[in-house]
N, C-alpha and C. Protein backbone atom coordinates (compact mmCIF):
# COMPACT_ATOMS: atom_id res chain seq x y z
N MET A 1 115.98 -56.06 -67.81
CA MET A 1 117.17 -56.65 -67.22
C MET A 1 116.74 -57.47 -66.02
N MET A 2 117.38 -58.62 -65.79
CA MET A 2 117.05 -59.46 -64.65
C MET A 2 118.11 -59.27 -63.57
N SER A 3 117.70 -59.21 -62.32
CA SER A 3 118.61 -59.06 -61.19
C SER A 3 118.20 -60.04 -60.12
N ALA A 4 118.95 -61.14 -59.99
CA ALA A 4 118.73 -62.15 -58.96
C ALA A 4 117.26 -62.58 -58.88
N GLY A 5 116.68 -62.87 -60.03
CA GLY A 5 115.32 -63.37 -60.05
C GLY A 5 114.26 -62.29 -60.11
N ARG A 6 114.65 -60.99 -60.10
CA ARG A 6 113.68 -59.90 -60.19
C ARG A 6 113.95 -59.10 -61.44
N GLU A 7 112.88 -58.63 -62.03
CA GLU A 7 113.05 -57.82 -63.23
C GLU A 7 113.40 -56.40 -62.80
N VAL A 8 114.44 -55.85 -63.41
CA VAL A 8 114.88 -54.49 -63.11
C VAL A 8 114.77 -53.69 -64.39
N SER A 9 114.11 -52.52 -64.30
CA SER A 9 113.97 -51.68 -65.49
C SER A 9 114.19 -50.23 -65.10
N ALA A 10 114.49 -49.39 -66.11
CA ALA A 10 114.69 -47.97 -65.85
C ALA A 10 113.33 -47.31 -65.73
N GLY A 11 113.18 -46.50 -64.70
CA GLY A 11 111.93 -45.80 -64.47
C GLY A 11 112.07 -44.34 -64.88
N PRO A 12 111.12 -43.49 -64.51
CA PRO A 12 111.19 -42.07 -64.86
C PRO A 12 112.39 -41.40 -64.20
N GLY A 13 113.04 -40.51 -64.91
CA GLY A 13 114.20 -39.79 -64.38
C GLY A 13 115.44 -40.64 -64.29
N GLY A 14 115.44 -41.79 -64.93
CA GLY A 14 116.63 -42.64 -64.92
C GLY A 14 116.72 -43.55 -63.70
N ALA A 15 115.80 -43.46 -62.74
CA ALA A 15 115.82 -44.32 -61.57
C ALA A 15 115.36 -45.71 -61.98
N ALA A 16 116.02 -46.72 -61.49
CA ALA A 16 115.66 -48.09 -61.82
C ALA A 16 114.58 -48.56 -60.86
N THR A 17 113.80 -49.53 -61.31
CA THR A 17 112.82 -50.14 -60.44
C THR A 17 113.03 -51.64 -60.46
N ALA A 18 112.85 -52.29 -59.32
CA ALA A 18 112.95 -53.74 -59.21
C ALA A 18 111.61 -54.23 -58.71
N GLY A 19 110.82 -54.81 -59.59
CA GLY A 19 109.47 -55.22 -59.21
C GLY A 19 108.69 -53.98 -58.86
N SER A 20 108.19 -53.90 -57.62
CA SER A 20 107.45 -52.72 -57.18
C SER A 20 108.34 -51.76 -56.39
N MET A 21 109.62 -52.11 -56.21
CA MET A 21 110.54 -51.29 -55.42
C MET A 21 111.29 -50.32 -56.31
N LYS A 22 111.27 -49.04 -55.95
CA LYS A 22 112.01 -48.04 -56.70
C LYS A 22 113.43 -47.94 -56.15
N ILE A 23 114.42 -47.99 -57.03
CA ILE A 23 115.82 -47.95 -56.64
C ILE A 23 116.35 -46.54 -56.89
N PRO A 24 116.88 -45.86 -55.88
CA PRO A 24 117.40 -44.51 -56.09
C PRO A 24 118.55 -44.50 -57.09
N ASN A 25 118.74 -43.36 -57.77
CA ASN A 25 119.81 -43.23 -58.77
C ASN A 25 121.19 -43.47 -58.18
N TRP A 26 121.40 -43.05 -56.92
CA TRP A 26 122.73 -43.18 -56.33
C TRP A 26 123.09 -44.63 -56.01
N LEU A 27 122.08 -45.50 -55.97
CA LEU A 27 122.32 -46.90 -55.68
C LEU A 27 122.36 -47.66 -57.00
N GLY A 28 123.54 -48.08 -57.41
CA GLY A 28 123.68 -48.76 -58.69
C GLY A 28 123.06 -50.14 -58.69
N LEU A 29 122.82 -50.65 -59.88
CA LEU A 29 122.23 -51.99 -60.01
C LEU A 29 123.14 -53.05 -59.43
N ARG A 30 124.44 -52.84 -59.51
CA ARG A 30 125.36 -53.83 -58.94
C ARG A 30 125.17 -53.94 -57.43
N ASP A 31 124.90 -52.80 -56.76
CA ASP A 31 124.65 -52.84 -55.32
C ASP A 31 123.37 -53.61 -55.01
N VAL A 32 122.35 -53.42 -55.82
CA VAL A 32 121.09 -54.13 -55.62
C VAL A 32 121.31 -55.63 -55.82
N GLU A 33 122.04 -55.99 -56.85
CA GLU A 33 122.33 -57.41 -57.09
C GLU A 33 123.13 -58.01 -55.95
N ARG A 34 124.10 -57.24 -55.45
CA ARG A 34 124.92 -57.73 -54.33
C ARG A 34 124.04 -57.93 -53.10
N GLU A 35 123.19 -56.96 -52.79
CA GLU A 35 122.33 -57.07 -51.62
C GLU A 35 121.36 -58.23 -51.76
N THR A 36 120.83 -58.42 -52.95
CA THR A 36 119.91 -59.54 -53.18
C THR A 36 120.63 -60.87 -52.99
N ALA A 37 121.83 -60.99 -53.54
CA ALA A 37 122.58 -62.24 -53.43
C ALA A 37 122.98 -62.53 -51.98
N VAL A 38 123.45 -61.53 -51.28
CA VAL A 38 123.87 -61.74 -49.89
C VAL A 38 122.66 -62.05 -49.01
N THR A 39 121.54 -61.39 -49.27
CA THR A 39 120.31 -61.69 -48.52
C THR A 39 119.87 -63.13 -48.74
N ALA A 40 119.92 -63.59 -49.98
CA ALA A 40 119.55 -64.98 -50.27
C ALA A 40 120.50 -65.96 -49.57
N LEU A 41 121.80 -65.65 -49.59
CA LEU A 41 122.77 -66.50 -48.89
C LEU A 41 122.51 -66.49 -47.39
N PHE A 42 122.19 -65.33 -46.84
CA PHE A 42 121.89 -65.22 -45.42
C PHE A 42 120.70 -66.09 -45.05
N ASP A 43 119.62 -65.97 -45.83
CA ASP A 43 118.42 -66.76 -45.56
C ASP A 43 118.70 -68.26 -45.60
N GLN A 44 119.57 -68.67 -46.50
CA GLN A 44 119.83 -70.09 -46.71
C GLN A 44 120.86 -70.65 -45.73
N HIS A 45 121.91 -69.88 -45.38
CA HIS A 45 123.04 -70.46 -44.66
C HIS A 45 123.22 -69.98 -43.22
N TYR A 46 122.52 -68.95 -42.78
CA TYR A 46 122.76 -68.39 -41.45
C TYR A 46 122.62 -69.42 -40.32
N PRO A 47 121.49 -70.16 -40.23
CA PRO A 47 121.36 -71.09 -39.09
C PRO A 47 122.47 -72.15 -39.05
N GLY A 48 122.81 -72.69 -40.20
CA GLY A 48 123.87 -73.71 -40.24
C GLY A 48 125.23 -73.15 -39.87
N LEU A 49 125.50 -71.91 -40.28
CA LEU A 49 126.78 -71.29 -39.93
C LEU A 49 126.86 -70.98 -38.44
N VAL A 50 125.73 -70.60 -37.83
CA VAL A 50 125.72 -70.36 -36.38
C VAL A 50 126.01 -71.66 -35.65
N ARG A 51 125.36 -72.74 -36.06
CA ARG A 51 125.62 -74.04 -35.42
C ARG A 51 127.07 -74.46 -35.61
N MET A 52 127.61 -74.22 -36.82
CA MET A 52 129.00 -74.56 -37.07
C MET A 52 129.92 -73.76 -36.15
N ALA A 53 129.65 -72.47 -35.99
CA ALA A 53 130.48 -71.63 -35.11
C ALA A 53 130.42 -72.11 -33.67
N VAL A 54 129.23 -72.53 -33.21
CA VAL A 54 129.09 -73.06 -31.85
C VAL A 54 129.94 -74.32 -31.71
N LEU A 55 129.85 -75.21 -32.69
CA LEU A 55 130.61 -76.46 -32.61
C LEU A 55 132.11 -76.23 -32.70
N LEU A 56 132.53 -75.17 -33.37
CA LEU A 56 133.96 -74.86 -33.47
C LEU A 56 134.49 -74.16 -32.23
N GLY A 57 133.59 -73.76 -31.33
CA GLY A 57 134.04 -73.17 -30.08
C GLY A 57 133.72 -71.70 -29.90
N ALA A 58 132.90 -71.11 -30.75
CA ALA A 58 132.59 -69.69 -30.64
C ALA A 58 131.68 -69.40 -29.46
N GLY A 59 130.97 -70.40 -28.98
CA GLY A 59 130.11 -70.23 -27.82
C GLY A 59 129.06 -69.17 -28.01
N VAL A 60 128.95 -68.27 -27.03
CA VAL A 60 127.91 -67.23 -27.07
C VAL A 60 128.18 -66.19 -28.15
N ASP A 61 129.38 -66.17 -28.71
CA ASP A 61 129.71 -65.22 -29.77
C ASP A 61 129.42 -65.76 -31.17
N ALA A 62 128.80 -66.92 -31.26
CA ALA A 62 128.57 -67.55 -32.57
C ALA A 62 127.79 -66.65 -33.52
N GLU A 63 126.73 -66.02 -33.03
CA GLU A 63 125.93 -65.15 -33.89
C GLU A 63 126.76 -63.96 -34.38
N ASP A 64 127.58 -63.41 -33.49
CA ASP A 64 128.43 -62.27 -33.87
C ASP A 64 129.46 -62.69 -34.92
N VAL A 65 130.02 -63.87 -34.74
CA VAL A 65 131.01 -64.37 -35.70
C VAL A 65 130.38 -64.52 -37.08
N VAL A 66 129.19 -65.09 -37.13
CA VAL A 66 128.52 -65.30 -38.42
C VAL A 66 128.10 -63.96 -39.03
N ALA A 67 127.63 -63.04 -38.21
CA ALA A 67 127.27 -61.72 -38.72
C ALA A 67 128.49 -61.02 -39.32
N GLU A 68 129.63 -61.15 -38.65
CA GLU A 68 130.85 -60.55 -39.18
C GLU A 68 131.28 -61.23 -40.49
N ALA A 69 131.05 -62.53 -40.58
CA ALA A 69 131.37 -63.24 -41.83
C ALA A 69 130.52 -62.72 -42.98
N PHE A 70 129.24 -62.49 -42.73
CA PHE A 70 128.38 -61.94 -43.78
C PHE A 70 128.77 -60.51 -44.13
N TYR A 71 129.20 -59.75 -43.14
CA TYR A 71 129.67 -58.39 -43.42
C TYR A 71 130.90 -58.44 -44.33
N GLU A 72 131.83 -59.36 -44.03
CA GLU A 72 133.03 -59.49 -44.86
C GLU A 72 132.67 -59.91 -46.28
N LEU A 73 131.71 -60.81 -46.41
CA LEU A 73 131.26 -61.23 -47.74
C LEU A 73 130.66 -60.05 -48.49
N TYR A 74 129.82 -59.29 -47.83
CA TYR A 74 129.18 -58.13 -48.47
C TYR A 74 130.24 -57.12 -48.90
N ARG A 75 131.19 -56.86 -48.03
CA ARG A 75 132.23 -55.87 -48.30
C ARG A 75 133.13 -56.30 -49.45
N ARG A 76 133.40 -57.59 -49.55
CA ARG A 76 134.32 -58.09 -50.56
C ARG A 76 133.62 -58.67 -51.79
N TRP A 77 132.31 -58.53 -51.86
CA TRP A 77 131.55 -59.11 -52.97
C TRP A 77 132.09 -58.73 -54.34
N PRO A 78 132.43 -57.46 -54.60
CA PRO A 78 132.93 -57.11 -55.94
C PRO A 78 134.21 -57.85 -56.32
N ARG A 79 134.99 -58.28 -55.33
CA ARG A 79 136.24 -59.00 -55.61
C ARG A 79 136.05 -60.51 -55.67
N LEU A 80 134.85 -60.98 -55.39
CA LEU A 80 134.56 -62.41 -55.43
C LEU A 80 134.55 -62.87 -56.88
N ARG A 81 135.42 -63.80 -57.21
CA ARG A 81 135.53 -64.26 -58.61
C ARG A 81 134.31 -65.04 -59.05
N ASP A 82 133.82 -65.90 -58.17
CA ASP A 82 132.69 -66.76 -58.53
C ASP A 82 131.65 -66.68 -57.42
N PRO A 83 130.47 -66.14 -57.69
CA PRO A 83 129.43 -66.06 -56.65
C PRO A 83 129.05 -67.42 -56.07
N LEU A 84 129.26 -68.50 -56.83
CA LEU A 84 128.95 -69.83 -56.31
C LEU A 84 129.93 -70.26 -55.22
N ALA A 85 131.05 -69.56 -55.10
CA ALA A 85 132.04 -69.86 -54.06
C ALA A 85 131.70 -69.15 -52.75
N ALA A 86 130.66 -68.35 -52.72
CA ALA A 86 130.31 -67.58 -51.52
C ALA A 86 130.06 -68.46 -50.29
N PRO A 87 129.32 -69.58 -50.38
CA PRO A 87 129.14 -70.41 -49.17
C PRO A 87 130.46 -70.94 -48.62
N SER A 88 131.35 -71.34 -49.50
CA SER A 88 132.66 -71.81 -49.05
C SER A 88 133.44 -70.67 -48.40
N TYR A 89 133.36 -69.48 -48.99
CA TYR A 89 134.02 -68.31 -48.42
C TYR A 89 133.46 -68.02 -47.03
N LEU A 90 132.15 -68.10 -46.86
CA LEU A 90 131.55 -67.86 -45.55
C LEU A 90 132.03 -68.87 -44.52
N ARG A 91 132.09 -70.15 -44.89
CA ARG A 91 132.58 -71.18 -43.96
C ARG A 91 134.02 -70.90 -43.56
N SER A 92 134.82 -70.51 -44.53
CA SER A 92 136.22 -70.20 -44.26
C SER A 92 136.35 -69.02 -43.30
N VAL A 93 135.56 -67.98 -43.53
CA VAL A 93 135.62 -66.80 -42.66
C VAL A 93 135.14 -67.16 -41.26
N VAL A 94 134.09 -67.97 -41.14
CA VAL A 94 133.61 -68.38 -39.82
C VAL A 94 134.70 -69.17 -39.09
N CYS A 95 135.37 -70.08 -39.79
CA CYS A 95 136.47 -70.83 -39.17
C CYS A 95 137.57 -69.89 -38.69
N ASN A 96 137.97 -68.96 -39.53
CA ASN A 96 139.05 -68.05 -39.17
C ASN A 96 138.65 -67.12 -38.02
N LEU A 97 137.45 -66.58 -38.05
CA LEU A 97 137.01 -65.69 -36.98
C LEU A 97 136.88 -66.44 -35.66
N THR A 98 136.40 -67.68 -35.71
CA THR A 98 136.31 -68.48 -34.49
C THR A 98 137.69 -68.76 -33.93
N ARG A 99 138.62 -69.10 -34.81
CA ARG A 99 140.01 -69.33 -34.38
C ARG A 99 140.59 -68.07 -33.74
N MET A 100 140.34 -66.91 -34.35
CA MET A 100 140.83 -65.65 -33.79
C MET A 100 140.18 -65.38 -32.42
N ARG A 101 138.91 -65.69 -32.29
CA ARG A 101 138.22 -65.49 -31.02
C ARG A 101 138.82 -66.37 -29.94
N LEU A 102 139.10 -67.63 -30.28
CA LEU A 102 139.68 -68.55 -29.29
C LEU A 102 141.07 -68.09 -28.87
N ARG A 103 141.87 -67.60 -29.81
CA ARG A 103 143.19 -67.06 -29.45
C ARG A 103 143.04 -65.87 -28.52
N HIS A 104 142.10 -65.00 -28.85
CA HIS A 104 141.87 -63.82 -28.01
C HIS A 104 141.47 -64.24 -26.60
N LEU A 105 140.59 -65.24 -26.49
CA LEU A 105 140.17 -65.71 -25.17
C LEU A 105 141.32 -66.31 -24.38
N GLN A 106 142.25 -66.97 -25.07
CA GLN A 106 143.43 -67.51 -24.37
C GLN A 106 144.24 -66.39 -23.75
N VAL A 107 144.41 -65.30 -24.48
CA VAL A 107 145.15 -64.15 -23.96
C VAL A 107 144.39 -63.52 -22.79
N VAL A 108 143.09 -63.38 -22.93
CA VAL A 108 142.28 -62.79 -21.87
C VAL A 108 142.35 -63.65 -20.61
N ARG A 109 142.33 -64.95 -20.78
CA ARG A 109 142.39 -65.85 -19.62
C ARG A 109 143.74 -65.79 -18.92
N ARG A 110 144.79 -65.52 -19.67
CA ARG A 110 146.12 -65.38 -19.06
C ARG A 110 146.21 -64.11 -18.22
N HIS A 111 145.40 -63.12 -18.58
CA HIS A 111 145.43 -61.83 -17.89
C HIS A 111 144.03 -61.44 -17.45
N PRO A 112 143.47 -62.18 -16.49
CA PRO A 112 142.08 -61.92 -16.12
C PRO A 112 141.94 -60.62 -15.33
N ASP A 113 140.92 -59.84 -15.68
CA ASP A 113 140.60 -58.64 -14.93
C ASP A 113 139.43 -58.93 -13.99
N GLN A 114 138.37 -59.47 -14.56
CA GLN A 114 137.19 -59.80 -13.80
C GLN A 114 136.66 -61.15 -14.29
N PRO A 115 136.08 -61.92 -13.41
CA PRO A 115 135.51 -63.19 -13.87
C PRO A 115 134.34 -62.94 -14.82
N THR A 116 134.26 -63.76 -15.87
CA THR A 116 133.18 -63.63 -16.85
C THR A 116 132.21 -64.79 -16.68
N VAL A 117 130.94 -64.50 -16.94
CA VAL A 117 129.89 -65.51 -16.88
C VAL A 117 129.51 -65.87 -18.30
N ASP A 118 129.55 -67.15 -18.63
CA ASP A 118 129.24 -67.62 -19.97
C ASP A 118 127.79 -68.10 -20.00
N ILE A 119 126.91 -67.28 -20.59
CA ILE A 119 125.50 -67.64 -20.70
C ILE A 119 125.24 -68.02 -22.15
N GLY A 120 124.71 -69.21 -22.36
CA GLY A 120 124.50 -69.72 -23.71
C GLY A 120 123.35 -69.03 -24.42
N SER A 121 123.49 -68.90 -25.74
CA SER A 121 122.42 -68.34 -26.56
C SER A 121 121.39 -69.43 -26.84
N ALA A 122 120.27 -69.03 -27.41
CA ALA A 122 119.22 -70.00 -27.73
C ALA A 122 119.71 -71.02 -28.74
N GLU A 123 120.48 -70.56 -29.75
CA GLU A 123 121.00 -71.48 -30.75
C GLU A 123 121.97 -72.48 -30.12
N GLN A 124 122.80 -71.99 -29.20
CA GLN A 124 123.75 -72.87 -28.54
C GLN A 124 123.02 -73.93 -27.73
N GLU A 125 121.95 -73.55 -27.05
CA GLU A 125 121.21 -74.51 -26.25
C GLU A 125 120.55 -75.57 -27.11
N VAL A 126 120.08 -75.20 -28.29
CA VAL A 126 119.47 -76.17 -29.20
C VAL A 126 120.51 -77.18 -29.65
N VAL A 127 121.71 -76.69 -29.99
CA VAL A 127 122.77 -77.56 -30.46
C VAL A 127 123.23 -78.50 -29.34
N LEU A 128 123.24 -77.99 -28.13
CA LEU A 128 123.79 -78.77 -27.02
C LEU A 128 122.71 -79.57 -26.29
N ARG A 129 121.95 -80.33 -27.01
CA ARG A 129 120.95 -81.19 -26.39
C ARG A 129 121.68 -82.19 -25.48
N GLU A 130 120.96 -82.67 -24.53
CA GLU A 130 121.58 -83.53 -23.54
C GLU A 130 122.21 -84.78 -24.16
N ASP A 131 121.55 -85.37 -25.16
CA ASP A 131 122.08 -86.58 -25.77
C ASP A 131 123.35 -86.32 -26.57
N GLN A 132 123.60 -85.07 -26.93
CA GLN A 132 124.80 -84.73 -27.71
C GLN A 132 125.88 -84.09 -26.85
N SER A 133 125.55 -83.74 -25.62
CA SER A 133 126.48 -82.96 -24.80
C SER A 133 127.80 -83.69 -24.55
N GLU A 134 127.76 -85.01 -24.43
CA GLU A 134 128.99 -85.77 -24.19
C GLU A 134 129.93 -85.68 -25.40
N VAL A 135 129.37 -85.82 -26.60
CA VAL A 135 130.18 -85.73 -27.81
C VAL A 135 130.70 -84.31 -27.98
N ILE A 136 129.86 -83.31 -27.73
CA ILE A 136 130.27 -81.91 -27.86
C ILE A 136 131.38 -81.60 -26.87
N ALA A 137 131.24 -82.08 -25.64
CA ALA A 137 132.28 -81.83 -24.62
C ALA A 137 133.60 -82.47 -25.06
N ALA A 138 133.54 -83.67 -25.59
CA ALA A 138 134.76 -84.33 -26.06
C ALA A 138 135.33 -83.59 -27.26
N LEU A 139 134.47 -83.12 -28.14
CA LEU A 139 134.90 -82.37 -29.33
C LEU A 139 135.62 -81.08 -28.92
N GLN A 140 135.15 -80.44 -27.86
CA GLN A 140 135.75 -79.19 -27.41
C GLN A 140 137.15 -79.39 -26.83
N THR A 141 137.50 -80.61 -26.45
CA THR A 141 138.84 -80.86 -25.90
C THR A 141 139.89 -81.08 -27.00
N LEU A 142 139.44 -81.26 -28.23
CA LEU A 142 140.38 -81.50 -29.33
C LEU A 142 141.08 -80.21 -29.74
N PRO A 143 142.27 -80.33 -30.32
CA PRO A 143 142.92 -79.14 -30.88
C PRO A 143 142.05 -78.50 -31.96
N ASN A 144 142.20 -77.19 -32.17
CA ASN A 144 141.34 -76.43 -33.08
C ASN A 144 141.24 -77.04 -34.46
N ARG A 145 142.37 -77.35 -35.07
CA ARG A 145 142.36 -77.85 -36.45
C ARG A 145 141.64 -79.19 -36.55
N GLN A 146 141.84 -80.08 -35.57
CA GLN A 146 141.15 -81.37 -35.59
C GLN A 146 139.65 -81.17 -35.44
N ARG A 147 139.26 -80.28 -34.51
CA ARG A 147 137.84 -80.00 -34.30
C ARG A 147 137.23 -79.41 -35.57
N GLN A 148 137.92 -78.46 -36.20
CA GLN A 148 137.40 -77.85 -37.42
C GLN A 148 137.24 -78.89 -38.52
N ALA A 149 138.24 -79.74 -38.69
CA ALA A 149 138.19 -80.76 -39.73
C ALA A 149 137.00 -81.71 -39.50
N LEU A 150 136.79 -82.13 -38.26
CA LEU A 150 135.69 -83.05 -37.97
C LEU A 150 134.33 -82.39 -38.17
N VAL A 151 134.18 -81.16 -37.72
CA VAL A 151 132.90 -80.46 -37.86
C VAL A 151 132.58 -80.23 -39.33
N LEU A 152 133.57 -79.74 -40.07
CA LEU A 152 133.32 -79.47 -41.49
C LEU A 152 133.09 -80.75 -42.27
N ARG A 153 133.84 -81.80 -41.98
CA ARG A 153 133.76 -83.04 -42.74
C ARG A 153 132.50 -83.84 -42.42
N TYR A 154 132.23 -84.02 -41.12
CA TYR A 154 131.15 -84.93 -40.74
C TYR A 154 129.86 -84.23 -40.36
N TRP A 155 129.91 -83.06 -39.76
CA TRP A 155 128.68 -82.37 -39.40
C TRP A 155 128.10 -81.66 -40.61
N LEU A 156 128.94 -80.95 -41.36
CA LEU A 156 128.45 -80.27 -42.56
C LEU A 156 128.48 -81.17 -43.79
N ASP A 157 129.08 -82.34 -43.64
CA ASP A 157 129.14 -83.33 -44.71
C ASP A 157 129.80 -82.77 -45.98
N LEU A 158 130.90 -82.03 -45.77
CA LEU A 158 131.64 -81.47 -46.90
C LEU A 158 132.64 -82.50 -47.41
N LYS A 159 133.00 -82.39 -48.66
CA LYS A 159 134.04 -83.23 -49.23
C LYS A 159 135.39 -82.73 -48.74
N GLU A 160 136.39 -83.59 -48.84
CA GLU A 160 137.73 -83.22 -48.35
C GLU A 160 138.25 -81.97 -49.04
N ALA A 161 137.99 -81.82 -50.32
CA ALA A 161 138.46 -80.64 -51.04
C ALA A 161 137.77 -79.38 -50.51
N GLU A 162 136.48 -79.48 -50.18
CA GLU A 162 135.76 -78.32 -49.63
C GLU A 162 136.26 -77.97 -48.23
N VAL A 163 136.55 -79.00 -47.44
CA VAL A 163 137.11 -78.77 -46.10
C VAL A 163 138.47 -78.10 -46.23
N ALA A 164 139.29 -78.60 -47.15
CA ALA A 164 140.62 -78.03 -47.36
C ALA A 164 140.52 -76.56 -47.77
N ALA A 165 139.57 -76.24 -48.66
CA ALA A 165 139.40 -74.86 -49.09
C ALA A 165 138.92 -73.98 -47.94
N SER A 166 138.01 -74.48 -47.12
CA SER A 166 137.49 -73.71 -45.99
C SER A 166 138.56 -73.46 -44.93
N MET A 167 139.42 -74.45 -44.71
CA MET A 167 140.45 -74.32 -43.68
C MET A 167 141.75 -73.71 -44.22
N GLY A 168 141.88 -73.66 -45.54
CA GLY A 168 143.10 -73.12 -46.13
C GLY A 168 144.29 -74.06 -46.01
N ILE A 169 144.03 -75.37 -46.09
CA ILE A 169 145.10 -76.37 -45.99
C ILE A 169 144.93 -77.38 -47.13
N SER A 170 145.87 -78.30 -47.25
CA SER A 170 145.80 -79.30 -48.32
C SER A 170 144.85 -80.44 -47.94
N CYS A 171 144.46 -81.22 -48.94
CA CYS A 171 143.59 -82.38 -48.70
C CYS A 171 144.27 -83.41 -47.80
N GLY A 172 145.57 -83.56 -47.98
CA GLY A 172 146.32 -84.49 -47.13
C GLY A 172 146.28 -84.07 -45.67
N ALA A 173 146.39 -82.77 -45.43
CA ALA A 173 146.32 -82.26 -44.06
C ALA A 173 144.92 -82.47 -43.48
N VAL A 174 143.89 -82.33 -44.32
CA VAL A 174 142.53 -82.58 -43.86
C VAL A 174 142.40 -84.04 -43.42
N LYS A 175 142.93 -84.95 -44.23
CA LYS A 175 142.87 -86.38 -43.88
C LYS A 175 143.59 -86.65 -42.56
N ALA A 176 144.76 -86.02 -42.38
CA ALA A 176 145.53 -86.23 -41.16
C ALA A 176 144.77 -85.68 -39.94
N HIS A 177 144.25 -84.45 -40.05
CA HIS A 177 143.52 -83.85 -38.93
C HIS A 177 142.26 -84.65 -38.62
N THR A 178 141.56 -85.11 -39.65
CA THR A 178 140.34 -85.89 -39.45
C THR A 178 140.65 -87.22 -38.78
N SER A 179 141.68 -87.90 -39.25
CA SER A 179 142.05 -89.19 -38.67
C SER A 179 142.48 -89.05 -37.21
N ARG A 180 143.34 -88.09 -36.95
CA ARG A 180 143.80 -87.88 -35.57
C ARG A 180 142.65 -87.43 -34.67
N GLY A 181 141.79 -86.59 -35.20
CA GLY A 181 140.65 -86.12 -34.42
C GLY A 181 139.69 -87.25 -34.07
N MET A 182 139.40 -88.12 -35.04
CA MET A 182 138.50 -89.26 -34.77
C MET A 182 139.12 -90.21 -33.75
N ALA A 183 140.42 -90.45 -33.86
CA ALA A 183 141.09 -91.33 -32.90
C ALA A 183 141.03 -90.74 -31.50
N ALA A 184 141.31 -89.45 -31.39
CA ALA A 184 141.27 -88.80 -30.08
C ALA A 184 139.85 -88.76 -29.52
N LEU A 185 138.87 -88.48 -30.38
CA LEU A 185 137.47 -88.43 -29.95
C LEU A 185 137.01 -89.80 -29.46
N THR A 186 137.38 -90.85 -30.18
CA THR A 186 137.04 -92.21 -29.77
C THR A 186 137.66 -92.54 -28.42
N ARG A 187 138.94 -92.19 -28.26
CA ARG A 187 139.64 -92.45 -27.00
C ARG A 187 138.97 -91.71 -25.85
N ILE A 188 138.64 -90.44 -26.03
CA ILE A 188 138.02 -89.64 -24.98
C ILE A 188 136.66 -90.19 -24.59
N LEU A 189 135.84 -90.53 -25.58
CA LEU A 189 134.51 -91.05 -25.27
C LEU A 189 134.57 -92.43 -24.63
N THR A 190 135.54 -93.25 -25.02
CA THR A 190 135.70 -94.57 -24.40
C THR A 190 136.12 -94.43 -22.94
N GLU A 191 137.02 -93.48 -22.66
CA GLU A 191 137.47 -93.28 -21.29
C GLU A 191 136.36 -92.78 -20.37
N ARG A 192 135.44 -92.01 -20.92
CA ARG A 192 134.35 -91.43 -20.11
C ARG A 192 133.25 -92.44 -19.78
N ARG A 193 133.22 -93.57 -20.46
CA ARG A 193 132.15 -94.57 -20.20
C ARG A 193 132.54 -95.56 -19.17
C-alpha cells in the first residue's frame, strides 16, 4: 500500500511499517497519511503563510496564527473533501484568525491595563525591509477587507476566485475591495511623497 509517497506494509503482529519506520497498532494508517500530508503542506507553505499573516496585520503573532491554522487543518483533515483544497483552507484560516486577532486588539486597546511593547519577530523584520516599509505602512492603514484582498491578490498572486474562496466573499466583492484598496493605497503613497 502507498501512503503519501511511502510504501506502507503490514509487519509482524499486525503493526504496519512505513519505509523503515514502525507504526504502532493504535495509530491507524489514516493518521499516518494525515500526518504525512500536513507535514508536507507545512514544509511547503509555512514561510509564505507567516509573511501573509504579517502583511495582514498579525504582527508578532504571525507565527502563532499560522501554527493555529495548521492545527485546525490537522484537526479537521478527515472532514476535508478534497486534500488539494488544503492550501486554500489554510489561507482562509490565516485570514480569519488574523481578523479575529485584530478585533481582539481593538477591544484590548479600548480597555488598556498596561502598556505593551511590540517587538518584531525575525520573519516580520525580513518582510519589513526599508525599501518596502512605506508600502507596508500604507497597507496597514487600509480597512481589513481591502488589505486582505490586496495581499491575497497581488502578493500571493491568487486568482479572484481563489481570493474569494479564502475570504469567504463573492468575486464581485473581491473586485470592489481590490479596486478601492488600490485607489486608497495610491492616494496614501502620493500624499506621503
